[in-house]
Amino acid sequence: MRIRAAYVIATFLTAAVPALGVARDEGANAPAPQSKPDGAQEKPAPQTAEEARAELYTRLAASKDPDETQGLIGLLFASYAESGSDTADLLLERAHKAIEQKDYHDAEKILDETVALLPDWAEGWNARATVRWLDDDYEGSMADIAETLKREPRHLGALSGMAIILDSRDKREEALKVYERVLAIAPHWKSAEEAADKLKAAIAGQEL
């Protein structure tokens, strides 16, 4: 999901972000490995998607600069969107196009196929949570957020979406706790900081 429009826009931009070291099988036409001279060092294996995300989370936690934080979050969202399956990637792209056209019914049908194809891919569930939220299906969205977080407990889009839904239901204290989880992962994410500050002010006003 997203903080207001931010998440959907960010996921649409992932195609422009360089891949984060996730290698794909190029099939039978790949060149045969060449023997290496004695003493030659093997190249390190490319990072897995999980390793790339772990590195990004570490950098986010250490970042002191909001602009750097925003750039790292963009890379993290790109990593979330790397399924390792050409079919799943195509389905997600089709769902994004349907969302752009506000065709939430078709987007949800496409994402039903996506989660059936790759049930362990967190982003398939998260994308469907976004569609359900946009279509005012808050219970369905929260259910998909829960599935996302089972697979990617630090998923910033899913956590932000959960906070938005809780806030919309006047569960401000719970929403603030979720934003605090987000800020523990990305301490200088400006959008989350602003949302948390607004909730703190609203809660303080209620308590007066």
C-alpha atoms as a PDB file:
ATOM      1  CA  MET A   1       0.000   0.000   0.000  1.00  0.00           C
ATOM      2  CA  ARG A   2       1.045   3.638   0.322  1.00  0.00           C
ATOM      3  CA  ILE A   3       0.893   6.823   2.357  1.00  0.00           C
ATOM      4  CA  ARG A   4      -1.979   8.455   0.427  1.00  0.00           C
ATOM      5  CA  ALA A   5      -0.835   8.356  -3.246  1.00  0.00           C
ATOM      6  CA  ALA A   6       2.858   7.739  -2.511  1.00  0.00           C
ATOM      7  CA  TYR A   7       2.975   3.962  -2.577  1.00  0.00           C
ATOM      8  CA  VAL A   8       1.165   3.350  -5.879  1.00  0.00           C
ATOM      9  CA  ILE A   9       3.266   6.047  -7.571  1.00  0.00           C
ATOM     10  CA  ALA A  10       6.442   4.518  -6.153  1.00  0.00           C
ATOM     11  CA  THR A  11       5.581   1.047  -7.383  1.00  0.00           C
ATOM     12  CA  PHE A  12       4.876   2.389 -10.888  1.00  0.00           C
ATOM     13  CA  LEU A  13       8.392   3.823 -10.904  1.00  0.00           C
ATOM     14  CA  THR A  14      10.115   0.552 -10.038  1.00  0.00           C
ATOM     15  CA  ALA A  15      10.715  -0.315 -13.679  1.00  0.00           C
ATOM     16  CA  ALA A  16      13.052   2.669 -13.882  1.00  0.00           C
ATOM     17  CA  VAL A  17      15.131   1.544 -10.901  1.00  0.00           C
ATOM     18  CA  PRO A  18      18.105  -0.747 -11.610  1.00  0.00           C
ATOM     19  CA  ALA A  19      17.693  -4.375 -10.580  1.00  0.00           C
ATOM     20  CA  LEU A  20      19.160  -5.145  -7.162  1.00  0.00           C
ATOM     21  CA  GLY A  21      21.303  -8.128  -8.054  1.00  0.00           C
ATOM     22  CA  VAL A  22      18.503 -10.670  -8.455  1.00  0.00           C
ATOM     23  CA  ALA A  23      19.718 -13.128 -11.070  1.00  0.00           C
ATOM     24  CA  ARG A  24      17.265 -14.895 -13.386  1.00  0.00           C
ATOM     25  CA  ASP A  25      17.703 -18.152 -15.213  1.00  0.00           C
ATOM     26  CA  GLU A  26      18.536 -17.279 -18.828  1.00  0.00           C
ATOM     27  CA  GLY A  27      17.708 -20.787 -20.059  1.00  0.00           C
ATOM     28  CA  ALA A  28      19.492 -23.319 -22.182  1.00  0.00           C
ATOM     29  CA  ASN A  29      21.124 -20.728 -24.434  1.00  0.00           C
ATOM     30  CA  ALA A  30      23.315 -19.395 -21.648  1.00  0.00           C
ATOM     31  CA  PRO A  31      27.048 -19.781 -22.450  1.00  0.00           C
ATOM     32  CA  ALA A  32      28.850 -22.702 -20.866  1.00  0.00           C
ATOM     33  CA  PRO A  33      31.059 -21.766 -17.908  1.00  0.00           C
ATOM     34  CA  GLN A  34      34.694 -21.302 -18.848  1.00  0.00           C
ATOM     35  CA  SER A  35      37.502 -22.956 -16.949  1.00  0.00           C
ATOM     36  CA  LYS A  36      39.574 -20.505 -14.937  1.00  0.00           C
ATOM     37  CA  PRO A  37      43.364 -20.380 -14.721  1.00  0.00           C
ATOM     38  CA  ASP A  38      44.957 -21.769 -11.596  1.00  0.00           C
ATOM     39  CA  GLY A  39      44.808 -19.234  -8.779  1.00  0.00           C
ATOM     40  CA  ALA A  40      42.010 -17.168 -10.371  1.00  0.00           C
ATOM     41  CA  GLN A  41      39.416 -16.010  -7.880  1.00  0.00           C
ATOM     42  CA  GLU A  42      35.763 -16.897  -8.350  1.00  0.00           C
ATOM     43  CA  LYS A  43      33.412 -13.931  -8.621  1.00  0.00           C
ATOM     44  CA  PRO A  44      31.100 -13.655  -5.628  1.00  0.00           C
ATOM     45  CA  ALA A  45      27.557 -14.861  -6.229  1.00  0.00           C
ATOM     46  CA  PRO A  46      25.039 -12.069  -6.913  1.00  0.00           C
ATOM     47  CA  GLN A  47      22.899 -10.989  -3.985  1.00  0.00           C
ATOM     48  CA  THR A  48      19.556 -12.632  -3.508  1.00  0.00           C
ATOM     49  CA  ALA A  49      16.522 -10.379  -3.198  1.00  0.00           C
ATOM     50  CA  GLU A  50      16.433 -11.109   0.538  1.00  0.00           C
ATOM     51  CA  GLU A  51      20.098 -10.140   0.951  1.00  0.00           C
ATOM     52  CA  ALA A  52      19.563  -6.924  -1.032  1.00  0.00           C
ATOM     53  CA  ARG A  53      16.623  -5.967   1.158  1.00  0.00           C
ATOM     54  CA  ALA A  54      18.532  -6.772   4.346  1.00  0.00           C
ATOM     55  CA  GLU A  55      21.302  -4.416   3.209  1.00  0.00           C
ATOM     56  CA  LEU A  56      18.783  -1.683   2.374  1.00  0.00           C
ATOM     57  CA  TYR A  57      17.096  -2.014   5.762  1.00  0.00           C
ATOM     58  CA  THR A  58      20.500  -1.669   7.434  1.00  0.00           C
ATOM     59  CA  ARG A  59      21.289   1.445   5.411  1.00  0.00           C
ATOM     60  CA  LEU A  60      17.850   2.910   6.151  1.00  0.00           C
ATOM     61  CA  ALA A  61      18.301   2.450   9.887  1.00  0.00           C
ATOM     62  CA  ALA A  62      21.661   4.244   9.729  1.00  0.00           C
ATOM     63  CA  SER A  63      20.604   7.051   7.376  1.00  0.00           C
ATOM     64  CA  LYS A  64      20.452  10.554   8.877  1.00  0.00           C
ATOM     65  CA  ASP A  65      19.332  12.352   5.721  1.00  0.00           C
ATOM     66  CA  PRO A  66      15.691  12.503   4.520  1.00  0.00           C
ATOM     67  CA  ASP A  67      16.693  12.643   0.845  1.00  0.00           C
ATOM     68  CA  GLU A  68      18.942   9.604   1.204  1.00  0.00           C
ATOM     69  CA  THR A  69      16.163   7.858   3.106  1.00  0.00           C
ATOM     70  CA  GLN A  70      13.692   8.550   0.298  1.00  0.00           C
ATOM     71  CA  GLY A  71      16.122   7.166  -2.283  1.00  0.00           C
ATOM     72  CA  LEU A  72      16.697   4.010  -0.240  1.00  0.00           C
ATOM     73  CA  ILE A  73      12.943   3.521   0.132  1.00  0.00           C
ATOM     74  CA  GLY A  74      12.580   3.746  -3.651  1.00  0.00           C
ATOM     75  CA  LEU A  75      15.190   1.005  -4.019  1.00  0.00           C
ATOM     76  CA  LEU A  76      13.456  -1.043  -1.349  1.00  0.00           C
ATOM     77  CA  PHE A  77      10.094  -0.793  -3.134  1.00  0.00           C
ATOM     78  CA  ALA A  78      11.859  -1.895  -6.326  1.00  0.00           C
ATOM     79  CA  SER A  79      13.211  -4.909  -4.478  1.00  0.00           C
ATOM     80  CA  TYR A  80       9.739  -5.769  -3.165  1.00  0.00           C
ATOM     81  CA  ALA A  81       8.519  -5.791  -6.780  1.00  0.00           C
ATOM     82  CA  GLU A  82      11.160  -8.311  -7.949  1.00  0.00           C
ATOM     83  CA  SER A  83       9.284 -11.607  -7.981  1.00  0.00           C
ATOM     84  CA  GLY A  84      11.830 -13.722  -9.853  1.00  0.00           C
ATOM     85  CA  SER A  85       9.017 -14.803 -12.202  1.00  0.00           C
ATOM     86  CA  ASP A  86       8.443 -13.184 -15.582  1.00  0.00           C
ATOM     87  CA  THR A  87       4.769 -14.186 -15.418  1.00  0.00           C
ATOM     88  CA  ALA A  88       4.221 -12.649 -11.975  1.00  0.00           C
ATOM     89  CA  ASP A  89       6.049  -9.482 -13.013  1.00  0.00           C
ATOM     90  CA  LEU A  90       3.804  -9.191 -16.074  1.00  0.00           C
ATOM     91  CA  LEU A  91       0.683  -9.693 -13.968  1.00  0.00           C
ATOM     92  CA  LEU A  92       1.797  -6.989 -11.551  1.00  0.00           C
ATOM     93  CA  GLU A  93       2.454  -4.620 -14.451  1.00  0.00           C
ATOM     94  CA  ARG A  94      -1.030  -5.307 -15.820  1.00  0.00           C
ATOM     95  CA  ALA A  95      -2.523  -4.695 -12.378  1.00  0.00           C
ATOM     96  CA  HIS A  96      -0.685  -1.367 -12.108  1.00  0.00           C
ATOM     97  CA  LYS A  97      -2.110  -0.278 -15.473  1.00  0.00           C
ATOM     98  CA  ALA A  98      -5.610  -1.203 -14.314  1.00  0.00           C
ATOM     99  CA  ILE A  99      -5.073   0.795 -11.113  1.00  0.00           C
ATOM    100  CA  GLU A 100      -3.953   3.812 -13.143  1.00  0.00           C
ATOM    101  CA  GLN A 101      -7.247   3.578 -15.028  1.00  0.00           C
ATOM    102  CA  LYS A 102      -9.143   3.147 -11.727  1.00  0.00           C
ATOM    103  CA  ASP A 103     -10.359  -0.247 -12.921  1.00  0.00           C
ATOM    104  CA  TYR A 104     -10.098  -1.790  -9.478  1.00  0.00           C
ATOM    105  CA  HIS A 105     -12.266  -4.800 -10.309  1.00  0.00           C
ATOM    106  CA  ASP A 106      -9.925  -5.981 -13.085  1.00  0.00           C
ATOM    107  CA  ALA A 107      -6.858  -5.108 -11.008  1.00  0.00           C
ATOM    108  CA  GLU A 108      -8.085  -7.293  -8.170  1.00  0.00           C
ATOM    109  CA  LYS A 109      -8.826 -10.193 -10.538  1.00  0.00           C
ATOM    110  CA  ILE A 110      -5.303  -9.946 -11.944  1.00  0.00           C
ATOM    111  CA  LEU A 111      -3.837  -9.903  -8.452  1.00  0.00           C
ATOM    112  CA  ASP A 112      -5.955 -12.913  -7.469  1.00  0.00           C
ATOM    113  CA  GLU A 113      -4.053 -14.744 -10.212  1.00  0.00           C
ATOM    114  CA  THR A 114      -0.773 -13.321  -8.943  1.00  0.00           C
ATOM    115  CA  VAL A 115      -1.142 -14.537  -5.363  1.00  0.00           C
ATOM    116  CA  ALA A 116      -2.350 -17.931  -6.621  1.00  0.00           C
ATOM    117  CA  LEU A 117       0.738 -18.190  -8.844  1.00  0.00           C
ATOM    118  CA  LEU A 118       3.249 -17.007  -6.212  1.00  0.00           C
ATOM    119  CA  PRO A 119       1.646 -17.252  -2.771  1.00  0.00           C
ATOM    120  CA  ASP A 120       4.965 -16.633  -0.998  1.00  0.00           C
ATOM    121  CA  TRP A 121       5.643 -13.325  -2.791  1.00  0.00           C
ATOM    122  CA  ALA A 122       4.791 -10.541  -0.348  1.00  0.00           C
ATOM    123  CA  GLU A 123       4.302  -7.890  -3.021  1.00  0.00           C
ATOM    124  CA  GLY A 124       1.459  -9.773  -4.700  1.00  0.00           C
ATOM    125  CA  TRP A 125      -0.520  -9.603  -1.455  1.00  0.00           C
ATOM    126  CA  ASN A 126       0.520  -6.001  -0.839  1.00  0.00           C
ATOM    127  CA  ALA A 127      -0.583  -4.885  -4.295  1.00  0.00           C
ATOM    128  CA  ARG A 128      -3.974  -6.503  -3.775  1.00  0.00           C
ATOM    129  CA  ALA A 129      -4.210  -4.800  -0.372  1.00  0.00           C
ATOM    130  CA  THR A 130      -3.692  -1.496  -2.174  1.00  0.00           C
ATOM    131  CA  VAL A 131      -6.435  -2.239  -4.699  1.00  0.00           C
ATOM    132  CA  ARG A 132      -8.865  -3.295  -2.003  1.00  0.00           C
ATOM    133  CA  TRP A 133      -8.134  -0.129  -0.034  1.00  0.00           C
ATOM    134  CA  LEU A 134      -8.703   2.022  -3.110  1.00  0.00           C
ATOM    135  CA  ASP A 135     -11.992   0.175  -3.639  1.00  0.00           C
ATOM    136  CA  ASP A 136     -13.043   0.859   0.008  1.00  0.00           C
ATOM    137  CA  ASP A 137     -12.714  -2.807   1.018  1.00  0.00           C
ATOM    138  CA  TYR A 138     -10.871  -2.087   4.258  1.00  0.00           C
ATOM    139  CA  GLU A 139     -11.371  -5.515   5.808  1.00  0.00           C
ATOM    140  CA  GLY A 140     -10.051  -7.236   2.691  1.00  0.00           C
ATOM    141  CA  SER A 141      -7.147  -4.825   2.567  1.00  0.00           C
ATOM    142  CA  MET A 142      -6.214  -5.477   6.200  1.00  0.00           C
ATOM    143  CA  ALA A 143      -6.365  -9.235   5.571  1.00  0.00           C
ATOM    144  CA  ASP A 144      -3.941  -8.874   2.652  1.00  0.00           C
ATOM    145  CA  ILE A 145      -1.680  -6.606   4.703  1.00  0.00           C
ATOM    146  CA  ALA A 146      -1.482  -9.357   7.320  1.00  0.00           C
ATOM    147  CA  GLU A 147      -0.461 -11.844   4.614  1.00  0.00           C
ATOM    148  CA  THR A 148       2.154  -9.379   3.323  1.00  0.00           C
ATOM    149  CA  LEU A 149       3.680  -8.925   6.763  1.00  0.00           C
ATOM    150  CA  LYS A 150       3.839 -12.681   7.347  1.00  0.00           C
ATOM    151  CA  ARG A 151       6.210 -12.838   4.382  1.00  0.00           C
ATOM    152  CA  GLU A 152       7.977  -9.465   4.756  1.00  0.00           C
ATOM    153  CA  PRO A 153       7.562  -8.197   8.351  1.00  0.00           C
ATOM    154  CA  ARG A 154       9.271  -4.872   7.598  1.00  0.00           C
ATOM    155  CA  HIS A 155       7.326  -4.106   4.424  1.00  0.00           C
ATOM    156  CA  LEU A 156       7.044  -0.328   4.580  1.00  0.00           C
ATOM    157  CA  GLY A 157       4.159  -0.057   2.142  1.00  0.00           C
ATOM    158  CA  ALA A 158       2.053  -2.598   4.018  1.00  0.00           C
ATOM    159  CA  LEU A 159       2.791  -1.042   7.411  1.00  0.00           C
ATOM    160  CA  SER A 160       1.936   2.436   6.109  1.00  0.00           C
ATOM    161  CA  GLY A 161      -1.299   1.121   4.635  1.00  0.00           C
ATOM    162  CA  MET A 162      -2.227  -0.476   7.937  1.00  0.00           C
ATOM    163  CA  ALA A 163      -1.663   2.835   9.744  1.00  0.00           C
ATOM    164  CA  ILE A 164      -3.835   4.700   7.216  1.00  0.00           C
ATOM    165  CA  ILE A 165      -6.715   2.252   7.649  1.00  0.00           C
ATOM    166  CA  LEU A 166      -6.479   2.341  11.444  1.00  0.00           C
ATOM    167  CA  ASP A 167      -6.473   6.134  11.383  1.00  0.00           C
ATOM    168  CA  SER A 168      -9.509   6.186   9.071  1.00  0.00           C
ATOM    169  CA  ARG A 169     -11.342   4.061  11.641  1.00  0.00           C
ATOM    170  CA  ASP A 170     -10.438   6.520  14.432  1.00  0.00           C
ATOM    171  CA  LYS A 171      -8.002   4.036  15.963  1.00  0.00           C
ATOM    172  CA  ARG A 172      -5.398   6.739  16.336  1.00  0.00           C
ATOM    173  CA  GLU A 173      -3.327   5.191  19.109  1.00  0.00           C
ATOM    174  CA  GLU A 174      -3.008   1.938  17.149  1.00  0.00           C
ATOM    175  CA  ALA A 175      -2.166   3.849  13.970  1.00  0.00           C
ATOM    176  CA  LEU A 176       0.537   5.797  15.806  1.00  0.00           C
ATOM    177  CA  LYS A 177       2.090   2.562  17.072  1.00  0.00           C
ATOM    178  CA  VAL A 178       2.302   1.314  13.486  1.00  0.00           C
ATOM    179  CA  TYR A 179       3.938   4.552  12.337  1.00  0.00           C
ATOM    180  CA  GLU A 180       6.420   4.130  15.168  1.00  0.00           C
ATOM    181  CA  ARG A 181       7.239   0.698  13.737  1.00  0.00           C
ATOM    182  CA  VAL A 182       7.745   2.319  10.336  1.00  0.00           C
ATOM    183  CA  LEU A 183      10.050   4.963  11.801  1.00  0.00           C
ATOM    184  CA  ALA A 184      12.053   2.319  13.642  1.00  0.00           C
ATOM    185  CA  ILE A 185      12.835   0.887  10.190  1.00  0.00           C
ATOM    186  CA  ALA A 186      13.198   4.220   8.344  1.00  0.00           C
ATOM    187  CA  PRO A 187      13.879   6.865  11.029  1.00  0.00           C
ATOM    188  CA  HIS A 188      13.957   9.841   8.658  1.00  0.00           C
ATOM    189  CA  TRP A 189      11.118   9.013   6.260  1.00  0.00           C
ATOM    190  CA  LYS A 190       9.497  12.438   6.062  1.00  0.00           C
ATOM    191  CA  SER A 191       5.999  11.246   5.086  1.00  0.00           C
ATOM    192  CA  ALA A 192       5.843   8.868   8.041  1.00  0.00           C
ATOM    193  CA  GLU A 193       7.233  11.490  10.418  1.00  0.00           C
ATOM    194  CA  GLU A 194       4.572  13.998   9.344  1.00  0.00           C
ATOM    195  CA  ALA A 195       1.778  11.428   9.651  1.00  0.00           C
ATOM    196  CA  ALA A 196       2.969  10.414  13.125  1.00  0.00           C
ATOM    197  CA  ASP A 197       3.192  14.050  14.246  1.00  0.00           C
ATOM    198  CA  LYS A 198      -0.387  14.717  13.083  1.00  0.00           C
ATOM    199  CA  LEU A 199      -1.613  11.694  15.013  1.00  0.00           C
ATOM    200  CA  LYS A 200       0.239  12.784  18.152  1.00  0.00           C
ATOM    201  CA  ALA A 201      -1.365  16.215  17.912  1.00  0.00           C
ATOM    202  CA  ALA A 202      -4.823  14.700  17.371  1.00  0.00           C
ATOM    203  CA  ILE A 203      -4.404  12.336  20.327  1.00  0.00           C
ATOM    204  CA  ALA A 204      -3.176  15.175  22.548  1.00  0.00           C
ATOM    205  CA  GLY A 205      -6.210  17.235  21.537  1.00  0.00           C
ATOM    206  CA  GLN A 206      -8.535  14.398  22.466  1.00  0.00           C
ATOM    207  CA  GLU A 207      -6.936  14.073  25.888  1.00  0.00           C
ATOM    208  CA  LEU A 208      -7.391  17.778  26.793  1.00  0.00           C
END
